[in-house]
PDB file of N, CA and C in Angstrom:
ATOM      1  N   MET A   1       5.571  -8.783 -24.541  1.00  0.00           N
ATOM      2  CA  MET A   1       4.749  -8.056 -23.632  1.00  0.00           C
ATOM      3  C   MET A   1       5.589  -6.949 -22.868  1.00  0.00           C
ATOM      4  N   GLN A   2       5.059  -5.766 -22.784  1.00  0.00           N
ATOM      5  CA  GLN A   2       5.740  -4.659 -22.064  1.00  0.00           C
ATOM      6  C   GLN A   2       5.827  -4.938 -20.620  1.00  0.00           C
ATOM      7  N   ILE A   3       4.919  -5.631 -19.989  1.00  0.00           N
ATOM      8  CA  ILE A   3       4.916  -5.841 -18.477  1.00  0.00           C
ATOM      9  C   ILE A   3       6.027  -6.686 -18.099  1.00  0.00           C
ATOM     10  N   PHE A   4       6.448  -7.681 -19.007  1.00  0.00           N
ATOM     11  CA  PHE A   4       7.531  -8.609 -18.592  1.00  0.00           C
ATOM     12  C   PHE A   4       8.913  -7.828 -18.746  1.00  0.00           C
ATOM     13  N   LYS A   5       8.968  -6.882 -19.520  1.00  0.00           N
ATOM     14  CA  LYS A   5      10.252  -6.062 -19.501  1.00  0.00           C
ATOM     15  C   LYS A   5      10.318  -5.306 -18.107  1.00  0.00           C
ATOM     16  N   VAL A   6       9.267  -4.819 -17.672  1.00  0.00           N
ATOM     17  CA  VAL A   6       9.302  -3.999 -16.435  1.00  0.00           C
ATOM     18  C   VAL A   6       9.614  -4.963 -15.211  1.00  0.00           C
ATOM     19  N   ILE A   7       8.966  -6.249 -15.317  1.00  0.00           N
ATOM     20  CA  ILE A   7       9.265  -7.204 -14.200  1.00  0.00           C
ATOM     21  C   ILE A   7      10.688  -7.621 -14.297  1.00  0.00           C
ATOM     22  N   GLU A   8      11.179  -7.849 -15.466  1.00  0.00           N
ATOM     23  CA  GLU A   8      12.531  -8.354 -15.708  1.00  0.00           C
ATOM     24  C   GLU A   8      13.586  -7.227 -15.044  1.00  0.00           C
ATOM     25  N   ASP A   9      13.341  -6.002 -15.286  1.00  0.00           N
ATOM     26  CA  ASP A   9      14.061  -4.909 -14.757  1.00  0.00           C
ATOM     27  C   ASP A   9      14.013  -4.892 -13.239  1.00  0.00           C
ATOM     28  N   ALA A  10      12.911  -5.201 -12.626  1.00  0.00           N
ATOM     29  CA  ALA A  10      12.659  -5.178 -11.167  1.00  0.00           C
ATOM     30  C   ALA A  10      13.537  -6.284 -10.643  1.00  0.00           C
ATOM     31  N   ILE A  11      13.750  -7.405 -11.193  1.00  0.00           N
ATOM     32  CA  ILE A  11      14.590  -8.427 -10.635  1.00  0.00           C
ATOM     33  C   ILE A  11      16.031  -8.497 -11.070  1.00  0.00           C
ATOM     34  N   THR A  12      16.345  -7.858 -12.202  1.00  0.00           N
ATOM     35  CA  THR A  12      17.783  -7.921 -12.599  1.00  0.00           C
ATOM     36  C   THR A  12      18.361  -6.589 -12.110  1.00  0.00           C
ATOM     37  N   LYS A  13      17.666  -5.544 -11.874  1.00  0.00           N
ATOM     38  CA  LYS A  13      18.189  -4.227 -11.209  1.00  0.00           C
ATOM     39  C   LYS A  13      17.457  -3.974  -9.951  1.00  0.00           C
ATOM     40  N   PRO A  14      17.618  -4.882  -8.975  1.00  0.00           N
ATOM     41  CA  PRO A  14      16.739  -4.647  -7.761  1.00  0.00           C
ATOM     42  C   PRO A  14      17.155  -3.534  -6.880  1.00  0.00           C
ATOM     43  N   SER A  15      16.178  -3.101  -6.081  1.00  0.00           N
ATOM     44  CA  SER A  15      16.587  -2.001  -5.033  1.00  0.00           C
ATOM     45  C   SER A  15      17.328  -2.539  -3.906  1.00  0.00           C
ATOM     46  N   ILE A  16      17.277  -3.892  -3.601  1.00  0.00           N
ATOM     47  CA  ILE A  16      18.061  -4.560  -2.606  1.00  0.00           C
ATOM     48  C   ILE A  16      18.600  -5.888  -3.204  1.00  0.00           C
ATOM     49  N   PRO A  17      19.757  -6.194  -2.886  1.00  0.00           N
ATOM     50  CA  PRO A  17      20.355  -7.489  -3.408  1.00  0.00           C
ATOM     51  C   PRO A  17      19.523  -8.616  -2.812  1.00  0.00           C
ATOM     52  N   HIS A  18      19.642  -9.808  -3.475  1.00  0.00           N
ATOM     53  CA  HIS A  18      19.097 -11.090  -2.787  1.00  0.00           C
ATOM     54  C   HIS A  18      20.186 -11.668  -2.065  1.00  0.00           C
ATOM     55  N   GLU A  19      20.043 -11.778  -0.684  1.00  0.00           N
ATOM     56  CA  GLU A  19      20.915 -12.460   0.112  1.00  0.00           C
ATOM     57  C   GLU A  19      20.320 -13.668   0.740  1.00  0.00           C
ATOM     58  N   PRO A  20      20.582 -14.881   0.126  1.00  0.00           N
ATOM     59  CA  PRO A  20      19.795 -15.990   0.532  1.00  0.00           C
ATOM     60  C   PRO A  20      19.840 -16.355   1.994  1.00  0.00           C
ATOM     61  N   TYR A  21      20.834 -15.938   2.631  1.00  0.00           N
ATOM     62  CA  TYR A  21      20.914 -16.317   4.142  1.00  0.00           C
ATOM     63  C   TYR A  21      20.085 -15.257   4.972  1.00  0.00           C
ATOM     64  N   LYS A  22      19.400 -14.153   4.309  1.00  0.00           N
ATOM     65  CA  LYS A  22      18.650 -13.140   4.998  1.00  0.00           C
ATOM     66  C   LYS A  22      17.191 -13.411   4.646  1.00  0.00           C
ATOM     67  N   GLN A  23      16.955 -13.735   3.418  1.00  0.00           N
ATOM     68  CA  GLN A  23      15.462 -13.804   3.048  1.00  0.00           C
ATOM     69  C   GLN A  23      15.342 -14.892   1.917  1.00  0.00           C
ATOM     70  N   SER A  24      14.082 -15.406   1.742  1.00  0.00           N
ATOM     71  CA  SER A  24      13.808 -16.415   0.821  1.00  0.00           C
ATOM     72  C   SER A  24      13.841 -15.813  -0.537  1.00  0.00           C
ATOM     73  N   LEU A  25      13.987 -16.629  -1.615  1.00  0.00           N
ATOM     74  CA  LEU A  25      13.940 -15.975  -2.971  1.00  0.00           C
ATOM     75  C   LEU A  25      12.545 -15.430  -3.344  1.00  0.00           C
ATOM     76  N   LYS A  26      11.511 -16.223  -2.827  1.00  0.00           N
ATOM     77  CA  LYS A  26      10.041 -15.739  -2.964  1.00  0.00           C
ATOM     78  C   LYS A  26       9.818 -14.428  -2.439  1.00  0.00           C
ATOM     79  N   ASN A  27      10.300 -14.178  -1.091  1.00  0.00           N
ATOM     80  CA  ASN A  27      10.053 -12.909  -0.425  1.00  0.00           C
ATOM     81  C   ASN A  27      10.843 -11.853  -1.072  1.00  0.00           C
ATOM     82  N   TRP A  28      12.060 -12.133  -1.610  1.00  0.00           N
ATOM     83  CA  TRP A  28      12.851 -11.113  -2.144  1.00  0.00           C
ATOM     84  C   TRP A  28      12.155 -10.684  -3.497  1.00  0.00           C
ATOM     85  N   ALA A  29      11.825 -11.582  -4.269  1.00  0.00           N
ATOM     86  CA  ALA A  29      11.131 -11.291  -5.601  1.00  0.00           C
ATOM     87  C   ALA A  29       9.743 -10.479  -5.380  1.00  0.00           C
ATOM     88  N   MET A  30       9.008 -10.826  -4.445  1.00  0.00           N
ATOM     89  CA  MET A  30       7.739 -10.150  -4.117  1.00  0.00           C
ATOM     90  C   MET A  30       8.179  -8.743  -3.720  1.00  0.00           C
ATOM     91  N   TYR A  31       9.070  -8.605  -2.931  1.00  0.00           N
ATOM     92  CA  TYR A  31       9.544  -7.189  -2.355  1.00  0.00           C
ATOM     93  C   TYR A  31       9.895  -6.331  -3.616  1.00  0.00           C
ATOM     94  N   CYS A  32      10.821  -7.008  -4.446  1.00  0.00           N
ATOM     95  CA  CYS A  32      11.232  -6.166  -5.608  1.00  0.00           C
ATOM     96  C   CYS A  32      10.180  -5.619  -6.501  1.00  0.00           C
ATOM     97  N   LEU A  33       9.100  -6.523  -6.659  1.00  0.00           N
ATOM     98  CA  LEU A  33       7.976  -6.285  -7.508  1.00  0.00           C
ATOM     99  C   LEU A  33       7.103  -5.240  -6.827  1.00  0.00           C
ATOM    100  N   ARG A  34       6.888  -5.395  -5.602  1.00  0.00           N
ATOM    101  CA  ARG A  34       6.092  -4.300  -4.855  1.00  0.00           C
ATOM    102  C   ARG A  34       6.770  -2.976  -4.887  1.00  0.00           C
ATOM    103  N   ASP A  35       8.023  -3.019  -4.645  1.00  0.00           N
ATOM    104  CA  ASP A  35       8.920  -1.854  -4.789  1.00  0.00           C
ATOM    105  C   ASP A  35       8.694  -1.028  -5.966  1.00  0.00           C
ATOM    106  N   ARG A  36       8.458  -1.665  -7.092  1.00  0.00           N
ATOM    107  CA  ARG A  36       8.132  -1.096  -8.423  1.00  0.00           C
ATOM    108  C   ARG A  36       6.722  -0.774  -8.681  1.00  0.00           C
ATOM    109  N   GLY A  37       5.781  -0.981  -7.653  1.00  0.00           N
ATOM    110  CA  GLY A  37       4.445  -0.624  -7.807  1.00  0.00           C
ATOM    111  C   GLY A  37       3.505  -1.771  -8.269  1.00  0.00           C
ATOM    112  N   PHE A  38       4.029  -2.900  -8.255  1.00  0.00           N
ATOM    113  CA  PHE A  38       3.177  -4.070  -8.551  1.00  0.00           C
ATOM    114  C   PHE A  38       2.251  -4.510  -7.503  1.00  0.00           C
ATOM    115  N   LYS A  39       1.076  -4.929  -7.799  1.00  0.00           N
ATOM    116  CA  LYS A  39       0.176  -5.391  -6.811  1.00  0.00           C
ATOM    117  C   LYS A  39       0.475  -6.885  -6.739  1.00  0.00           C
ATOM    118  N   VAL A  40       1.092  -7.506  -5.652  1.00  0.00           N
ATOM    119  CA  VAL A  40       1.443  -8.866  -5.576  1.00  0.00           C
ATOM    120  C   VAL A  40       0.390  -9.492  -4.649  1.00  0.00           C
ATOM    121  N   VAL A  41      -0.092 -10.630  -5.148  1.00  0.00           N
ATOM    122  CA  VAL A  41      -1.194 -11.287  -4.395  1.00  0.00           C
ATOM    123  C   VAL A  41      -0.939 -12.822  -4.238  1.00  0.00           C
ATOM    124  N   TYR A  42      -1.713 -13.421  -3.333  1.00  0.00           N
ATOM    125  CA  TYR A  42      -1.694 -14.846  -3.172  1.00  0.00           C
ATOM    126  C   TYR A  42      -2.162 -15.580  -4.424  1.00  0.00           C
ATOM    127  N   ALA A  43      -1.448 -16.703  -4.760  1.00  0.00           N
ATOM    128  CA  ALA A  43      -1.809 -17.524  -5.876  1.00  0.00           C
ATOM    129  C   ALA A  43      -1.847 -19.062  -5.349  1.00  0.00           C
ATOM    130  N   GLN A  44      -2.840 -19.760  -5.739  1.00  0.00           N
ATOM    131  CA  GLN A  44      -3.099 -21.048  -5.178  1.00  0.00           C
ATOM    132  C   GLN A  44      -2.201 -22.091  -5.834  1.00  0.00           C
ATOM    133  N   ASN A  45      -1.847 -22.021  -7.244  1.00  0.00           N
ATOM    134  CA  ASN A  45      -0.983 -22.980  -7.912  1.00  0.00           C
ATOM    135  C   ASN A  45       0.342 -22.306  -8.310  1.00  0.00           C
ATOM    136  N   ALA A  46       0.806 -21.178  -7.574  1.00  0.00           N
ATOM    137  CA  ALA A  46       1.947 -20.631  -7.974  1.00  0.00           C
ATOM    138  C   ALA A  46       2.537 -20.098  -6.626  1.00  0.00           C
ATOM    139  N   ASP A  47       3.693 -19.523  -6.745  1.00  0.00           N
ATOM    140  CA  ASP A  47       4.332 -18.803  -5.468  1.00  0.00           C
ATOM    141  C   ASP A  47       3.615 -17.528  -5.215  1.00  0.00           C
ATOM    142  N   PHE A  48       3.194 -16.761  -6.337  1.00  0.00           N
ATOM    143  CA  PHE A  48       2.517 -15.509  -6.154  1.00  0.00           C
ATOM    144  C   PHE A  48       2.011 -15.159  -7.489  1.00  0.00           C
ATOM    145  N   ALA A  49       1.158 -14.139  -7.473  1.00  0.00           N
ATOM    146  CA  ALA A  49       0.642 -13.598  -8.729  1.00  0.00           C
ATOM    147  C   ALA A  49       0.708 -12.026  -8.717  1.00  0.00           C
ATOM    148  N   ILE A  50       0.794 -11.370  -9.878  1.00  0.00           N
ATOM    149  CA  ILE A  50       0.687  -9.965 -10.072  1.00  0.00           C
ATOM    150  C   ILE A  50      -0.648  -9.623 -10.708  1.00  0.00           C
ATOM    151  N   GLU A  51      -1.346  -8.646 -10.147  1.00  0.00           N
ATOM    152  CA  GLU A  51      -2.614  -8.180 -10.727  1.00  0.00           C
ATOM    153  C   GLU A  51      -2.323  -6.935 -11.492  1.00  0.00           C
ATOM    154  N   PRO A  52      -2.205  -6.841 -12.814  1.00  0.00           N
ATOM    155  CA  PRO A  52      -1.974  -5.669 -13.470  1.00  0.00           C
ATOM    156  C   PRO A  52      -3.401  -4.857 -13.611  1.00  0.00           C
ATOM    157  N   LYS A  53      -3.370  -3.575 -13.556  1.00  0.00           N
ATOM    158  CA  LYS A  53      -4.505  -2.750 -13.537  1.00  0.00           C
ATOM    159  C   LYS A  53      -5.509  -3.004 -14.710  1.00  0.00           C
ATOM    160  N   ASN A  54      -4.923  -3.467 -15.828  1.00  0.00           N
ATOM    161  CA  ASN A  54      -5.752  -3.639 -17.070  1.00  0.00           C
ATOM    162  C   ASN A  54      -5.620  -5.015 -17.633  1.00  0.00           C
ATOM    163  N   GLY A  55      -5.565  -6.001 -16.816  1.00  0.00           N
ATOM    164  CA  GLY A  55      -5.438  -7.360 -17.465  1.00  0.00           C
ATOM    165  C   GLY A  55      -5.745  -8.441 -16.377  1.00  0.00           C
ATOM    166  N   LYS A  56      -5.341  -9.697 -16.977  1.00  0.00           N
ATOM    167  CA  LYS A  56      -5.610 -10.787 -15.917  1.00  0.00           C
ATOM    168  C   LYS A  56      -4.404 -11.043 -15.149  1.00  0.00           C
ATOM    169  N   LYS A  57      -4.469 -11.822 -14.023  1.00  0.00           N
ATOM    170  CA  LYS A  57      -3.301 -12.071 -13.139  1.00  0.00           C
ATOM    171  C   LYS A  57      -2.239 -12.791 -13.975  1.00  0.00           C
ATOM    172  N   LEU A  58      -1.080 -12.471 -13.619  1.00  0.00           N
ATOM    173  CA  LEU A  58       0.230 -13.122 -14.160  1.00  0.00           C
ATOM    174  C   LEU A  58       0.771 -13.869 -13.038  1.00  0.00           C
ATOM    175  N   TYR A  59       0.863 -15.265 -13.180  1.00  0.00           N
ATOM    176  CA  TYR A  59       1.371 -16.246 -12.152  1.00  0.00           C
ATOM    177  C   TYR A  59       2.776 -16.504 -12.233  1.00  0.00           C
ATOM    178  N   PHE A  60       3.513 -16.490 -11.008  1.00  0.00           N
ATOM    179  CA  PHE A  60       4.962 -16.798 -10.967  1.00  0.00           C
ATOM    180  C   PHE A  60       5.317 -17.868  -9.900  1.00  0.00           C
ATOM    181  N   LYS A  61       6.327 -18.575 -10.351  1.00  0.00           N
ATOM    182  CA  LYS A  61       7.044 -19.436  -9.297  1.00  0.00           C
ATOM    183  C   LYS A  61       8.414 -19.024  -9.301  1.00  0.00           C
ATOM    184  N   VAL A  62       9.131 -19.429  -8.304  1.00  0.00           N
ATOM    185  CA  VAL A  62      10.583 -18.961  -8.127  1.00  0.00           C
ATOM    186  C   VAL A  62      11.332 -20.281  -7.849  1.00  0.00           C
ATOM    187  N   THR A  63      12.664 -20.334  -8.305  1.00  0.00           N
ATOM    188  CA  THR A  63      13.456 -21.508  -8.086  1.00  0.00           C
ATOM    189  C   THR A  63      14.933 -21.173  -8.151  1.00  0.00           C
ATOM    190  N   THR A  64      15.765 -22.036  -7.590  1.00  0.00           N
ATOM    191  CA  THR A  64      17.135 -21.872  -7.784  1.00  0.00           C
ATOM    192  C   THR A  64      17.732 -22.995  -8.774  1.00  0.00           C
ATOM    193  N   ASN A  65      16.754 -23.857  -9.120  1.00  0.00           N
ATOM    194  CA  ASN A  65      17.094 -24.888 -10.038  1.00  0.00           C
ATOM    195  C   ASN A  65      16.496 -24.719 -11.446  1.00  0.00           C
ATOM    196  N   PRO A  66      17.198 -24.387 -12.442  1.00  0.00           N
ATOM    197  CA  PRO A  66      16.685 -24.174 -13.819  1.00  0.00           C
ATOM    198  C   PRO A  66      15.915 -25.392 -14.361  1.00  0.00           C
ATOM    199  N   ASP A  67      16.203 -26.635 -13.970  1.00  0.00           N
ATOM    200  CA  ASP A  67      15.489 -27.865 -14.238  1.00  0.00           C
ATOM    201  C   ASP A  67      13.908 -27.866 -13.762  1.00  0.00           C
ATOM    202  N   ASP A  68      13.678 -26.940 -12.783  1.00  0.00           N
ATOM    203  CA  ASP A  68      12.339 -27.037 -12.242  1.00  0.00           C
ATOM    204  C   ASP A  68      11.429 -26.254 -13.219  1.00  0.00           C
ATOM    205  N   VAL A  69      11.874 -25.449 -14.168  1.00  0.00           N
ATOM    206  CA  VAL A  69      11.151 -24.634 -14.994  1.00  0.00           C
ATOM    207  C   VAL A  69      10.202 -25.539 -16.027  1.00  0.00           C
ATOM    208  N   ASP A  70       8.988 -25.119 -16.046  1.00  0.00           N
ATOM    209  CA  ASP A  70       8.049 -25.762 -16.893  1.00  0.00           C
ATOM    210  C   ASP A  70       7.210 -24.632 -17.544  1.00  0.00           C
ATOM    211  N   ASN A  71       6.130 -25.020 -18.165  1.00  0.00           N
ATOM    212  CA  ASN A  71       5.326 -23.984 -18.897  1.00  0.00           C
ATOM    213  C   ASN A  71       3.963 -23.771 -18.267  1.00  0.00           C
ATOM    214  N   SER A  72       4.010 -23.912 -16.863  1.00  0.00           N
ATOM    215  CA  SER A  72       2.792 -23.785 -15.957  1.00  0.00           C
ATOM    216  C   SER A  72       2.533 -22.388 -15.624  1.00  0.00           C
ATOM    217  N   CYS A  73       3.512 -21.611 -15.558  1.00  0.00           N
ATOM    218  CA  CYS A  73       3.496 -20.013 -15.289  1.00  0.00           C
ATOM    219  C   CYS A  73       4.771 -19.502 -15.652  1.00  0.00           C
ATOM    220  N   SER A  74       5.056 -18.225 -15.319  1.00  0.00           N
ATOM    221  CA  SER A  74       6.190 -17.639 -15.559  1.00  0.00           C
ATOM    222  C   SER A  74       7.095 -17.973 -14.373  1.00  0.00           C
ATOM    223  N   TRP A  75       8.486 -17.852 -14.624  1.00  0.00           N
ATOM    224  CA  TRP A  75       9.403 -18.220 -13.552  1.00  0.00           C
ATOM    225  C   TRP A  75      10.409 -17.111 -13.314  1.00  0.00           C
ATOM    226  N   ILE A  76      10.813 -17.031 -12.121  1.00  0.00           N
ATOM    227  CA  ILE A  76      12.006 -16.297 -11.592  1.00  0.00           C
ATOM    228  C   ILE A  76      12.953 -17.171 -11.095  1.00  0.00           C
ATOM    229  N   VAL A  77      14.192 -17.274 -11.840  1.00  0.00           N
ATOM    230  CA  VAL A  77      15.235 -18.275 -11.478  1.00  0.00           C
ATOM    231  C   VAL A  77      16.495 -17.501 -11.042  1.00  0.00           C
ATOM    232  N   TRP A  78      16.968 -17.995  -9.889  1.00  0.00           N
ATOM    233  CA  TRP A  78      18.150 -17.429  -9.146  1.00  0.00           C
ATOM    234  C   TRP A  78      19.336 -18.260  -9.555  1.00  0.00           C
ATOM    235  N   ASP A  79      20.346 -17.579 -10.145  1.00  0.00           N
ATOM    236  CA  ASP A  79      21.583 -18.316 -10.382  1.00  0.00           C
ATOM    237  C   ASP A  79      22.504 -18.084  -9.313  1.00  0.00           C
ATOM    238  N   SER A  80      22.847 -18.917  -8.420  1.00  0.00           N
ATOM    239  CA  SER A  80      23.651 -18.893  -7.232  1.00  0.00           C
ATOM    240  C   SER A  80      24.992 -18.444  -7.589  1.00  0.00           C
ATOM    241  N   ALA A  81      25.561 -19.146  -8.723  1.00  0.00           N
ATOM    242  CA  ALA A  81      27.022 -18.826  -9.076  1.00  0.00           C
ATOM    243  C   ALA A  81      27.230 -17.480  -9.565  1.00  0.00           C
ATOM    244  N   ALA A  82      26.332 -16.996 -10.427  1.00  0.00           N
ATOM    245  CA  ALA A  82      26.352 -15.613 -10.888  1.00  0.00           C
ATOM    246  C   ALA A  82      25.714 -14.460 -10.027  1.00  0.00           C
ATOM    247  N   LYS A  83      25.091 -15.009  -8.998  1.00  0.00           N
ATOM    248  CA  LYS A  83      24.446 -14.145  -8.048  1.00  0.00           C
ATOM    249  C   LYS A  83      23.499 -13.111  -8.865  1.00  0.00           C
ATOM    250  N   SER A  84      22.564 -13.750  -9.672  1.00  0.00           N
ATOM    251  CA  SER A  84      21.655 -12.817 -10.441  1.00  0.00           C
ATOM    252  C   SER A  84      20.431 -13.699 -10.679  1.00  0.00           C
ATOM    253  N   ALA A  85      19.343 -12.918 -10.977  1.00  0.00           N
ATOM    254  CA  ALA A  85      17.955 -13.436 -11.234  1.00  0.00           C
ATOM    255  C   ALA A  85      17.675 -13.298 -12.585  1.00  0.00           C
ATOM    256  N   SER A  86      16.858 -14.230 -13.103  1.00  0.00           N
ATOM    257  CA  SER A  86      16.390 -13.986 -14.535  1.00  0.00           C
ATOM    258  C   SER A  86      14.982 -14.294 -14.675  1.00  0.00           C
ATOM    259  N   LEU A  87      14.229 -13.736 -15.715  1.00  0.00           N
ATOM    260  CA  LEU A  87      12.815 -14.035 -15.680  1.00  0.00           C
ATOM    261  C   LEU A  87      12.618 -14.868 -16.935  1.00  0.00           C
ATOM    262  N   ILE A  88      11.794 -15.966 -16.793  1.00  0.00           N
ATOM    263  CA  ILE A  88      11.398 -16.811 -17.851  1.00  0.00           C
ATOM    264  C   ILE A  88       9.858 -16.713 -18.024  1.00  0.00           C
ATOM    265  N   PRO A  89       9.386 -15.850 -18.955  1.00  0.00           N
ATOM    266  CA  PRO A  89       7.964 -15.611 -18.972  1.00  0.00           C
ATOM    267  C   PRO A  89       7.218 -16.858 -19.601  1.00  0.00           C
ATOM    268  N   LEU A  90       5.882 -16.955 -19.143  1.00  0.00           N
ATOM    269  CA  LEU A  90       5.040 -18.078 -19.739  1.00  0.00           C
ATOM    270  C   LEU A  90       5.016 -18.044 -21.197  1.00  0.00           C
ATOM    271  N   GLU A  91       5.193 -19.150 -21.893  1.00  0.00           N
ATOM    272  CA  GLU A  91       5.150 -19.134 -23.347  1.00  0.00           C
ATOM    273  C   GLU A  91       3.690 -19.323 -23.766  1.00  0.00           C
ATOM    274  N   THR A  92       3.355 -18.392 -24.444  1.00  0.00           N
ATOM    275  CA  THR A  92       1.855 -18.433 -24.908  1.00  0.00           C
ATOM    276  C   THR A  92       1.921 -18.576 -26.443  1.00  0.00           C
ATOM    277  N   GLU A  93       0.924 -19.271 -26.919  1.00  0.00           N
ATOM    278  CA  GLU A  93       0.769 -19.459 -28.356  1.00  0.00           C
ATOM    279  C   GLU A  93       0.062 -18.272 -29.023  1.00  0.00           C
TER     280      GLU A  93
END
């Protein structure tokens, strides 16, 4: 999906670096996505959602622990050692 490429670029080439002592991973990720023009909204069963103009909501959770990742939604994972974020899109059949 093309939108996941744009989302991945937003978090792997952010306008501001993630500094864990200054802001939470969730707030940083939402800022990076809003900075790229995404409409970021509240989500009941995820950390946040994105509302694309021509599609259904995409749900996201954020974590610093790769073991947390499941197939409930898409994930943004922060690697503290490499100081970088990665996107794990929801696996659809």
